[in-house]
Structures are given as structure tokens and as C-alpha cells.
Amino acid sequence: MKLKDKVAIVVGAGSGIGRATSKLLAEEGAKVVLADINADNANKVLGEIKAKGGIASVFLMDMVKEADCEAMVKDTLARYGQIDILCNVAGGSMGPGIRDKFSPFHQSIKAEWDRIFDININGARNCSRAVVNHMMERRKGKIVNFSSVAGVTGAKNAVDYSAAKAAVIGFTKALAVEMADHNIQVNCVAPAGVATERMEAIAERQKRNNAPAMDLSRLTRPEEVAATVLFLVSDDVTRIQGDVVVIAGTGPSGT
């Protein structure tokens, strides 16, 4: 197993890419902290991991709240004694708790802009800040942030999301430079559309509204993205630092 004796925190573990990543890391031997705001989703993933003999625990938190992130790290250290991996998966552009539709920039509102930045860059900042001192003390660690193809190319009617995901890339690269001397690798994954539960709900709503629905078969599977994360956090990878792995697929931008 590639991650035997490792401890990983997956933020946004309850669904989509986070769920697939948590399950794969556990299968590879990691003890996984399932950090999520949704208790039902997180506990469902916990059950799936335990059913296969994996080790995991749930920590309910809101990554936008810095105190929650600090409590998550404190709890993980008390439970497992170390943190080797942090995966900042949580984020998004549309869906429950975010918004119902995209809008052109000239119709945008500041509150929506702030919400998009909170969940896509500020949350990653808060979780990374909470864990990085521990990793520096141990002189080892892996952090994987999540951007999007939208953060690389831009996306129509999603200026806020594109800007936030571009900020994740800048954050990743700058933090990687700072952490290199401490033997901590910081990298970023930038998928296009992924066939998550959120995307499925959007497609279903499009059908109900008699709008052209996206073809989910064209989207990347969460398990493919999880495999990329596993590659980045394994001990086999020691020289990749500050990189952005684009998983373009053929679907629309967004995670």
C-alpha cells in the first residue's frame, strides 16, 4: 500500500471528488479524516471506508471559518498524532449552498463574489494555514489544492469562479516556493467538468426546465481525479513542486 502509516485530511470528503479521494487514500493504507460540513454525507463515506477495512473518522467543519480549521488540525493530531497529507478539495461554482445559475459579470453582485472566493480560495488558505506549522516541524508533508480549468482559461459567465480558481493556482505556486526548504510539497489539480453529484443535479434541473442538458458521459469521473491526487501525495513523487495538473477532459469547466 502506497500510504501505509500516513494520515490524510480530505476537506470536502462527503461527496464527489472528495469522496472518491478519501476512499482511494484509505484503500492505499492512509488513516483519513473526512472533513465536511454535511454530516450525512461524511458519515456515509465513513461507512463505505470501514466496510472495506479502512481507517477513517469524521470531523464536521466549515472551512470558511478559521477556528473550525484549527480545531480540525488539533483533533486530528490528538487522534492520530501526525498529519502527512492535506487535500483541499472543497469548492465549487454552482449548486446547493452556492448559487442556482451563472451570471455575466455586469449582473454580478458583491455578496455572491465573496461567497465564491470564500469557498474556493479562502477555505484552502484557512486549512493550509492550520496545518502548515505542524508539517514544518516534522519537515515533511503534502498539500494538494483544487483549482479548475476555469482558473487557467477563464469561463464565460463565471468571472468570479475563474478568478477564485486562478487565485488557488497563485496561492499554490507561492506556498510551494516557501515550503520547498521544509520538504513540503504543494501542488494543484485543475479539472474540467467532473461527474459529481452536483453536476448530476444540475443536469437534472436542466432537463426539468427543458434546457439542453449536459452529457454526463463526457465528464471526467471522480475516481480519475482521485488517482491524480494519489500520485501527487505518494512517496514516489518527491520533485514535483508548485505544479498544476490540468485534467481537461471534454466537459465544461468547473468542479
C-alpha atoms as a PDB file:
ATOM      1  CA  MET A   1       0.000   0.000   0.000  1.00  0.00           C
ATOM      2  CA  LYS A   2       1.366   3.396  -1.027  1.00  0.00           C
ATOM      3  CA  LEU A   3       0.157   5.321   2.026  1.00  0.00           C
ATOM      4  CA  LYS A   4       0.698   2.891   4.871  1.00  0.00           C
ATOM      5  CA  ASP A   5       1.144   4.741   8.200  1.00  0.00           C
ATOM      6  CA  LYS A   6       0.130   8.089   6.636  1.00  0.00           C
ATOM      7  CA  VAL A   7      -2.581  10.395   7.973  1.00  0.00           C
ATOM      8  CA  ALA A   8      -4.585  12.405   5.469  1.00  0.00           C
ATOM      9  CA  ILE A   9      -7.182  15.145   5.854  1.00  0.00           C
ATOM     10  CA  VAL A  10      -9.605  15.492   2.966  1.00  0.00           C
ATOM     11  CA  VAL A  11     -11.629  18.701   3.101  1.00  0.00           C
ATOM     12  CA  GLY A  12     -14.901  18.222   1.268  1.00  0.00           C
ATOM     13  CA  ALA A  13     -14.781  14.461   1.768  1.00  0.00           C
ATOM     14  CA  GLY A  14     -18.512  13.845   1.749  1.00  0.00           C
ATOM     15  CA  SER A  15     -19.217  13.876  -1.969  1.00  0.00           C
ATOM     16  CA  GLY A  16     -17.828  13.951  -5.491  1.00  0.00           C
ATOM     17  CA  ILE A  17     -14.064  14.190  -5.856  1.00  0.00           C
ATOM     18  CA  GLY A  18     -13.594  14.352  -2.076  1.00  0.00           C
ATOM     19  CA  ARG A  19     -15.483  11.104  -1.580  1.00  0.00           C
ATOM     20  CA  ALA A  20     -13.523   9.309  -4.306  1.00  0.00           C
ATOM     21  CA  THR A  21     -10.232  10.686  -2.978  1.00  0.00           C
ATOM     22  CA  SER A  22     -10.984   9.691   0.615  1.00  0.00           C
ATOM     23  CA  LYS A  23     -11.874   6.155  -0.379  1.00  0.00           C
ATOM     24  CA  LEU A  24      -8.778   5.725  -2.544  1.00  0.00           C
ATOM     25  CA  LEU A  25      -6.392   7.104   0.089  1.00  0.00           C
ATOM     26  CA  ALA A  26      -7.938   4.768   2.674  1.00  0.00           C
ATOM     27  CA  GLU A  27      -7.600   1.803   0.304  1.00  0.00           C
ATOM     28  CA  GLU A  28      -3.915   2.674  -0.006  1.00  0.00           C
ATOM     29  CA  GLY A  29      -3.459   2.492   3.774  1.00  0.00           C
ATOM     30  CA  ALA A  30      -3.942   6.070   4.973  1.00  0.00           C
ATOM     31  CA  LYS A  31      -5.929   6.977   8.050  1.00  0.00           C
ATOM     32  CA  VAL A  32      -8.340   9.539   6.623  1.00  0.00           C
ATOM     33  CA  VAL A  33     -10.051  12.440   8.360  1.00  0.00           C
ATOM     34  CA  LEU A  34     -13.276  13.111   6.486  1.00  0.00           C
ATOM     35  CA  ALA A  35     -13.735  16.856   6.912  1.00  0.00           C
ATOM     36  CA  ASP A  36     -17.053  18.153   5.670  1.00  0.00           C
ATOM     37  CA  ILE A  37     -19.902  20.475   6.546  1.00  0.00           C
ATOM     38  CA  ASN A  38     -22.540  17.815   5.794  1.00  0.00           C
ATOM     39  CA  ALA A  39     -22.755  15.140   8.498  1.00  0.00           C
ATOM     40  CA  ASP A  40     -24.909  12.721   6.489  1.00  0.00           C
ATOM     41  CA  ASN A  41     -22.566  12.739   3.515  1.00  0.00           C
ATOM     42  CA  ALA A  42     -19.429  12.388   5.618  1.00  0.00           C
ATOM     43  CA  ASN A  43     -20.842   9.529   7.676  1.00  0.00           C
ATOM     44  CA  LYS A  44     -21.899   7.710   4.522  1.00  0.00           C
ATOM     45  CA  VAL A  45     -18.317   7.839   3.238  1.00  0.00           C
ATOM     46  CA  LEU A  46     -17.099   6.737   6.666  1.00  0.00           C
ATOM     47  CA  GLY A  47     -19.294   3.661   6.402  1.00  0.00           C
ATOM     48  CA  GLU A  48     -18.024   2.884   2.910  1.00  0.00           C
ATOM     49  CA  ILE A  49     -14.398   3.077   4.035  1.00  0.00           C
ATOM     50  CA  LYS A  50     -14.933   0.986   7.166  1.00  0.00           C
ATOM     51  CA  ALA A  51     -16.824  -1.644   5.167  1.00  0.00           C
ATOM     52  CA  LYS A  52     -13.609  -2.237   3.231  1.00  0.00           C
ATOM     53  CA  GLY A  53     -11.454  -2.381   6.351  1.00  0.00           C
ATOM     54  CA  GLY A  54     -10.123   1.149   6.122  1.00  0.00           C
ATOM     55  CA  ILE A  55      -9.484   3.576   8.974  1.00  0.00           C
ATOM     56  CA  ALA A  56     -11.271   6.929   8.963  1.00  0.00           C
ATOM     57  CA  SER A  57     -13.050   9.435  11.150  1.00  0.00           C
ATOM     58  CA  VAL A  58     -15.401  12.344  10.566  1.00  0.00           C
ATOM     59  CA  PHE A  59     -14.764  15.946  11.533  1.00  0.00           C
ATOM     60  CA  LEU A  60     -17.620  18.340  10.868  1.00  0.00           C
ATOM     61  CA  MET A  61     -16.400  21.812   9.957  1.00  0.00           C
ATOM     62  CA  ASP A  62     -16.866  24.866   7.786  1.00  0.00           C
ATOM     63  CA  MET A  63     -13.601  25.645   6.007  1.00  0.00           C
ATOM     64  CA  VAL A  64     -14.575  29.314   5.706  1.00  0.00           C
ATOM     65  CA  LYS A  65     -14.260  29.571   9.498  1.00  0.00           C
ATOM     66  CA  GLU A  66     -10.614  29.694  10.524  1.00  0.00           C
ATOM     67  CA  ALA A  67     -11.410  28.413  14.016  1.00  0.00           C
ATOM     68  CA  ASP A  68     -13.011  25.286  12.524  1.00  0.00           C
ATOM     69  CA  CYS A  69      -9.858  24.571  10.518  1.00  0.00           C
ATOM     70  CA  GLU A  70      -7.656  24.982  13.571  1.00  0.00           C
ATOM     71  CA  ALA A  71      -9.940  22.688  15.575  1.00  0.00           C
ATOM     72  CA  MET A  72      -9.788  20.104  12.779  1.00  0.00           C
ATOM     73  CA  VAL A  73      -5.994  20.000  12.931  1.00  0.00           C
ATOM     74  CA  LYS A  74      -5.968  19.854  16.737  1.00  0.00           C
ATOM     75  CA  ASP A  75      -8.447  16.979  16.741  1.00  0.00           C
ATOM     76  CA  THR A  76      -6.517  15.075  14.072  1.00  0.00           C
ATOM     77  CA  LEU A  77      -3.255  15.373  15.989  1.00  0.00           C
ATOM     78  CA  ALA A  78      -4.932  14.251  19.204  1.00  0.00           C
ATOM     79  CA  ARG A  79      -6.456  11.255  17.420  1.00  0.00           C
ATOM     80  CA  TYR A  80      -3.626  10.146  15.134  1.00  0.00           C
ATOM     81  CA  GLY A  81      -0.506  12.040  16.264  1.00  0.00           C
ATOM     82  CA  GLN A  82       0.515  13.364  12.864  1.00  0.00           C
ATOM     83  CA  ILE A  83      -0.711  14.857   9.587  1.00  0.00           C
ATOM     84  CA  ASP A  84       1.059  13.858   6.396  1.00  0.00           C
ATOM     85  CA  ILE A  85      -1.413  14.933   3.720  1.00  0.00           C
ATOM     86  CA  LEU A  86      -3.928  17.750   3.271  1.00  0.00           C
ATOM     87  CA  CYS A  87      -6.281  17.698   0.295  1.00  0.00           C
ATOM     88  CA  ASN A  88      -8.263  20.928  -0.118  1.00  0.00           C
ATOM     89  CA  VAL A  89     -10.948  19.516  -2.387  1.00  0.00           C
ATOM     90  CA  ALA A  90     -13.991  21.506  -1.271  1.00  0.00           C
ATOM     91  CA  GLY A  91     -15.162  24.318  -3.512  1.00  0.00           C
ATOM     92  CA  GLY A  92     -17.487  24.834  -6.414  1.00  0.00           C
ATOM     93  CA  SER A  93     -19.130  27.199  -8.830  1.00  0.00           C
ATOM     94  CA  MET A  94     -22.823  26.357  -8.637  1.00  0.00           C
ATOM     95  CA  GLY A  95     -25.215  24.167  -6.692  1.00  0.00           C
ATOM     96  CA  PRO A  96     -26.791  23.921  -3.222  1.00  0.00           C
ATOM     97  CA  GLY A  97     -25.313  26.428  -0.819  1.00  0.00           C
ATOM     98  CA  ILE A  98     -23.576  28.309  -3.632  1.00  0.00           C
ATOM     99  CA  ARG A  99     -25.985  29.623  -6.302  1.00  0.00           C
ATOM    100  CA  ASP A 100     -28.589  28.444  -8.796  1.00  0.00           C
ATOM    101  CA  LYS A 101     -27.125  29.832 -12.018  1.00  0.00           C
ATOM    102  CA  PHE A 102     -24.206  31.624 -13.598  1.00  0.00           C
ATOM    103  CA  SER A 103     -24.478  35.308 -14.480  1.00  0.00           C
ATOM    104  CA  PRO A 104     -22.498  37.662 -16.710  1.00  0.00           C
ATOM    105  CA  PHE A 105     -20.137  39.960 -14.840  1.00  0.00           C
ATOM    106  CA  HIS A 106     -22.236  43.073 -15.464  1.00  0.00           C
ATOM    107  CA  GLN A 107     -25.073  41.463 -13.498  1.00  0.00           C
ATOM    108  CA  SER A 108     -22.883  40.157 -10.677  1.00  0.00           C
ATOM    109  CA  ILE A 109     -23.316  41.096  -7.043  1.00  0.00           C
ATOM    110  CA  LYS A 110     -20.583  41.508  -4.436  1.00  0.00           C
ATOM    111  CA  ALA A 111     -22.103  39.079  -1.930  1.00  0.00           C
ATOM    112  CA  GLU A 112     -22.006  36.279  -4.489  1.00  0.00           C
ATOM    113  CA  TRP A 113     -18.432  37.161  -5.441  1.00  0.00           C
ATOM    114  CA  ASP A 114     -17.411  36.995  -1.774  1.00  0.00           C
ATOM    115  CA  ARG A 115     -19.098  33.612  -1.317  1.00  0.00           C
ATOM    116  CA  ILE A 116     -17.306  32.142  -4.341  1.00  0.00           C
ATOM    117  CA  PHE A 117     -13.956  33.395  -3.054  1.00  0.00           C
ATOM    118  CA  ASP A 118     -14.670  32.097   0.443  1.00  0.00           C
ATOM    119  CA  ILE A 119     -15.343  28.527  -0.629  1.00  0.00           C
ATOM    120  CA  ASN A 120     -12.732  28.293  -3.377  1.00  0.00           C
ATOM    121  CA  ILE A 121      -9.658  30.118  -2.079  1.00  0.00           C
ATOM    122  CA  ASN A 122     -10.185  31.344   1.479  1.00  0.00           C
ATOM    123  CA  GLY A 123     -11.115  27.855   2.666  1.00  0.00           C
ATOM    124  CA  ALA A 124      -7.940  26.402   1.156  1.00  0.00           C
ATOM    125  CA  ARG A 125      -5.965  29.178   2.800  1.00  0.00           C
ATOM    126  CA  ASN A 126      -7.525  28.517   6.210  1.00  0.00           C
ATOM    127  CA  CYS A 127      -6.935  24.769   6.127  1.00  0.00           C
ATOM    128  CA  SER A 128      -3.373  25.120   4.848  1.00  0.00           C
ATOM    129  CA  ARG A 129      -2.555  27.743   7.452  1.00  0.00           C
ATOM    130  CA  ALA A 130      -3.864  25.482  10.204  1.00  0.00           C
ATOM    131  CA  VAL A 131      -1.709  22.523   9.193  1.00  0.00           C
ATOM    132  CA  VAL A 132       1.470  24.021   7.823  1.00  0.00           C
ATOM    133  CA  ASN A 133       3.268  24.671  11.129  1.00  0.00           C
ATOM    134  CA  HIS A 134       2.931  21.005  12.078  1.00  0.00           C
ATOM    135  CA  MET A 135       4.304  19.935   8.704  1.00  0.00           C
ATOM    136  CA  MET A 136       7.199  22.390   9.033  1.00  0.00           C
ATOM    137  CA  GLU A 137       8.087  20.989  12.438  1.00  0.00           C
ATOM    138  CA  ARG A 138       8.164  17.460  11.021  1.00  0.00           C
ATOM    139  CA  ARG A 139       9.888  18.614   7.828  1.00  0.00           C
ATOM    140  CA  LYS A 140       7.530  16.606   5.680  1.00  0.00           C
ATOM    141  CA  GLY A 141       4.082  16.913   4.196  1.00  0.00           C
ATOM    142  CA  LYS A 142       1.968  17.047   1.057  1.00  0.00           C
ATOM    143  CA  ILE A 143      -0.702  19.626   0.263  1.00  0.00           C
ATOM    144  CA  VAL A 144      -2.949  19.317  -2.781  1.00  0.00           C
ATOM    145  CA  ASN A 145      -5.188  22.249  -3.668  1.00  0.00           C
ATOM    146  CA  PHE A 146      -8.016  22.251  -6.173  1.00  0.00           C
ATOM    147  CA  SER A 147      -8.314  24.789  -8.942  1.00  0.00           C
ATOM    148  CA  SER A 148     -10.225  24.294 -12.199  1.00  0.00           C
ATOM    149  CA  VAL A 149      -9.699  24.621 -15.918  1.00  0.00           C
ATOM    150  CA  ALA A 150     -11.732  27.812 -15.455  1.00  0.00           C
ATOM    151  CA  GLY A 151      -8.841  29.197 -13.412  1.00  0.00           C
ATOM    152  CA  VAL A 152      -6.473  28.537 -16.319  1.00  0.00           C
ATOM    153  CA  THR A 153      -8.543  29.627 -19.318  1.00  0.00           C
ATOM    154  CA  GLY A 154     -11.406  31.636 -17.798  1.00  0.00           C
ATOM    155  CA  ALA A 155     -15.073  30.721 -18.164  1.00  0.00           C
ATOM    156  CA  LYS A 156     -17.910  32.749 -19.634  1.00  0.00           C
ATOM    157  CA  ASN A 157     -20.462  33.995 -17.076  1.00  0.00           C
ATOM    158  CA  ALA A 158     -18.229  32.768 -14.257  1.00  0.00           C
ATOM    159  CA  VAL A 159     -15.731  35.591 -13.793  1.00  0.00           C
ATOM    160  CA  ASP A 160     -15.858  35.222 -10.018  1.00  0.00           C
ATOM    161  CA  TYR A 161     -15.243  31.472 -10.097  1.00  0.00           C
ATOM    162  CA  SER A 162     -12.499  31.804 -12.711  1.00  0.00           C
ATOM    163  CA  ALA A 163     -10.785  34.493 -10.650  1.00  0.00           C
ATOM    164  CA  ALA A 164     -11.028  32.469  -7.429  1.00  0.00           C
ATOM    165  CA  LYS A 165      -9.633  29.349  -9.061  1.00  0.00           C
ATOM    166  CA  ALA A 166      -6.829  31.376 -10.655  1.00  0.00           C
ATOM    167  CA  ALA A 167      -6.070  32.622  -7.145  1.00  0.00           C
ATOM    168  CA  VAL A 168      -5.770  28.998  -5.996  1.00  0.00           C
ATOM    169  CA  ILE A 169      -3.072  28.474  -8.614  1.00  0.00           C
ATOM    170  CA  GLY A 170      -1.164  31.570  -7.475  1.00  0.00           C
ATOM    171  CA  PHE A 171      -1.558  30.507  -3.844  1.00  0.00           C
ATOM    172  CA  THR A 172      -0.258  27.028  -4.638  1.00  0.00           C
ATOM    173  CA  LYS A 173       2.797  28.264  -6.516  1.00  0.00           C
ATOM    174  CA  ALA A 174       3.761  30.844  -3.896  1.00  0.00           C
ATOM    175  CA  LEU A 175       3.247  28.471  -0.974  1.00  0.00           C
ATOM    176  CA  ALA A 176       5.261  25.814  -2.799  1.00  0.00           C
ATOM    177  CA  VAL A 177       8.203  28.212  -3.031  1.00  0.00           C
ATOM    178  CA  GLU A 178       8.044  28.917   0.712  1.00  0.00           C
ATOM    179  CA  MET A 179       7.642  25.275   1.687  1.00  0.00           C
ATOM    180  CA  ALA A 180      10.331  23.784  -0.566  1.00  0.00           C
ATOM    181  CA  ASP A 181      13.063  24.276   2.046  1.00  0.00           C
ATOM    182  CA  HIS A 182      10.904  22.451   4.603  1.00  0.00           C
ATOM    183  CA  ASN A 183      10.449  19.347   2.427  1.00  0.00           C
ATOM    184  CA  ILE A 184       6.729  20.057   1.988  1.00  0.00           C
ATOM    185  CA  GLN A 185       5.277  19.613  -1.477  1.00  0.00           C
ATOM    186  CA  VAL A 186       2.387  21.821  -2.542  1.00  0.00           C
ATOM    187  CA  ASN A 187       0.647  21.124  -5.843  1.00  0.00           C
ATOM    188  CA  CYS A 188      -2.653  21.764  -7.530  1.00  0.00           C
ATOM    189  CA  VAL A 189      -5.182  19.821  -9.590  1.00  0.00           C
ATOM    190  CA  ALA A 190      -7.298  21.687 -12.149  1.00  0.00           C
ATOM    191  CA  PRO A 191     -10.120  19.536 -13.547  1.00  0.00           C
ATOM    192  CA  ALA A 192     -12.698  20.483 -16.116  1.00  0.00           C
ATOM    193  CA  GLY A 193     -16.219  19.159 -15.565  1.00  0.00           C
ATOM    194  CA  VAL A 194     -16.378  16.144 -13.276  1.00  0.00           C
ATOM    195  CA  ALA A 195     -19.366  13.812 -12.989  1.00  0.00           C
ATOM    196  CA  THR A 196     -20.109  14.577  -9.344  1.00  0.00           C
ATOM    197  CA  GLU A 197     -23.461  14.551  -7.570  1.00  0.00           C
ATOM    198  CA  ARG A 198     -23.590  18.329  -8.010  1.00  0.00           C
ATOM    199  CA  MET A 199     -23.194  18.045 -11.774  1.00  0.00           C
ATOM    200  CA  GLU A 200     -25.858  15.347 -11.858  1.00  0.00           C
ATOM    201  CA  ALA A 201     -28.261  17.650 -10.010  1.00  0.00           C
ATOM    202  CA  ILE A 202     -27.522  20.484 -12.446  1.00  0.00           C
ATOM    203  CA  ALA A 203     -28.161  18.199 -15.422  1.00  0.00           C
ATOM    204  CA  GLU A 204     -31.448  17.041 -13.901  1.00  0.00           C
ATOM    205  CA  ARG A 205     -32.553  20.648 -13.355  1.00  0.00           C
ATOM    206  CA  GLN A 206     -31.708  21.457 -16.960  1.00  0.00           C
ATOM    207  CA  LYS A 207     -33.927  18.612 -18.102  1.00  0.00           C
ATOM    208  CA  ARG A 208     -36.814  19.775 -15.911  1.00  0.00           C
ATOM    209  CA  ASN A 209     -36.512  23.263 -17.369  1.00  0.00           C
ATOM    210  CA  ASN A 210     -36.464  21.863 -20.908  1.00  0.00           C
ATOM    211  CA  ALA A 211     -32.974  23.300 -21.393  1.00  0.00           C
ATOM    212  CA  PRO A 212     -30.167  21.484 -23.216  1.00  0.00           C
ATOM    213  CA  ALA A 213     -28.712  19.170 -20.578  1.00  0.00           C
ATOM    214  CA  MET A 214     -25.016  18.399 -20.312  1.00  0.00           C
ATOM    215  CA  ASP A 215     -23.884  14.952 -21.358  1.00  0.00           C
ATOM    216  CA  LEU A 216     -22.546  13.446 -18.141  1.00  0.00           C
ATOM    217  CA  SER A 217     -20.837  10.668 -20.096  1.00  0.00           C
ATOM    218  CA  ARG A 218     -18.399  13.288 -21.432  1.00  0.00           C
ATOM    219  CA  LEU A 219     -17.301  14.371 -17.974  1.00  0.00           C
ATOM    220  CA  THR A 220     -14.292  13.093 -16.058  1.00  0.00           C
ATOM    221  CA  ARG A 221     -15.051  10.519 -13.365  1.00  0.00           C
ATOM    222  CA  PRO A 222     -14.206  11.491  -9.766  1.00  0.00           C
ATOM    223  CA  GLU A 223     -12.097   8.343  -9.462  1.00  0.00           C
ATOM    224  CA  GLU A 224      -9.797   9.582 -12.234  1.00  0.00           C
ATOM    225  CA  VAL A 225      -9.162  12.812 -10.349  1.00  0.00           C
ATOM    226  CA  ALA A 226      -8.610  10.871  -7.123  1.00  0.00           C
ATOM    227  CA  ALA A 227      -5.931   8.815  -8.879  1.00  0.00           C
ATOM    228  CA  THR A 228      -4.103  12.034  -9.731  1.00  0.00           C
ATOM    229  CA  VAL A 229      -4.234  13.097  -6.085  1.00  0.00           C
ATOM    230  CA  LEU A 230      -2.850   9.729  -5.009  1.00  0.00           C
ATOM    231  CA  PHE A 231       0.050  10.157  -7.423  1.00  0.00           C
ATOM    232  CA  LEU A 232       0.892  13.594  -6.016  1.00  0.00           C
ATOM    233  CA  VAL A 233       0.771  12.545  -2.341  1.00  0.00           C
ATOM    234  CA  SER A 234       2.641   9.254  -2.645  1.00  0.00           C
ATOM    235  CA  ASP A 235       6.257   8.871  -1.562  1.00  0.00           C
ATOM    236  CA  ASP A 236       7.108   8.044  -5.173  1.00  0.00           C
ATOM    237  CA  VAL A 237       6.747  11.746  -6.021  1.00  0.00           C
ATOM    238  CA  THR A 238       9.454  13.924  -4.489  1.00  0.00           C
ATOM    239  CA  ARG A 239      10.378  16.501  -7.136  1.00  0.00           C
ATOM    240  CA  ILE A 240       7.018  17.850  -8.264  1.00  0.00           C
ATOM    241  CA  GLN A 241       6.523  21.211  -6.568  1.00  0.00           C
ATOM    242  CA  GLY A 242       4.156  24.074  -7.362  1.00  0.00           C
ATOM    243  CA  ASP A 243       2.740  22.300 -10.398  1.00  0.00           C
ATOM    244  CA  VAL A 244      -0.786  22.491 -11.788  1.00  0.00           C
ATOM    245  CA  VAL A 245      -2.102  19.203 -13.166  1.00  0.00           C
ATOM    246  CA  VAL A 246      -4.814  20.031 -15.684  1.00  0.00           C
ATOM    247  CA  ILE A 247      -7.406  17.315 -16.263  1.00  0.00           C
ATOM    248  CA  ALA A 248      -9.162  18.807 -19.250  1.00  0.00           C
ATOM    249  CA  GLY A 249     -11.473  16.004 -20.301  1.00  0.00           C
ATOM    250  CA  THR A 250     -14.144  17.132 -22.758  1.00  0.00           C
ATOM    251  CA  GLY A 251     -16.742  18.644 -20.450  1.00  0.00           C
ATOM    252  CA  PRO A 252     -17.454  22.151 -19.160  1.00  0.00           C
ATOM    253  CA  SER A 253     -15.151  23.909 -16.726  1.00  0.00           C
ATOM    254  CA  GLY A 254     -15.804  23.523 -13.022  1.00  0.00           C
ATOM    255  CA  THR A 255     -15.563  21.098 -10.135  1.00  0.00           C
END
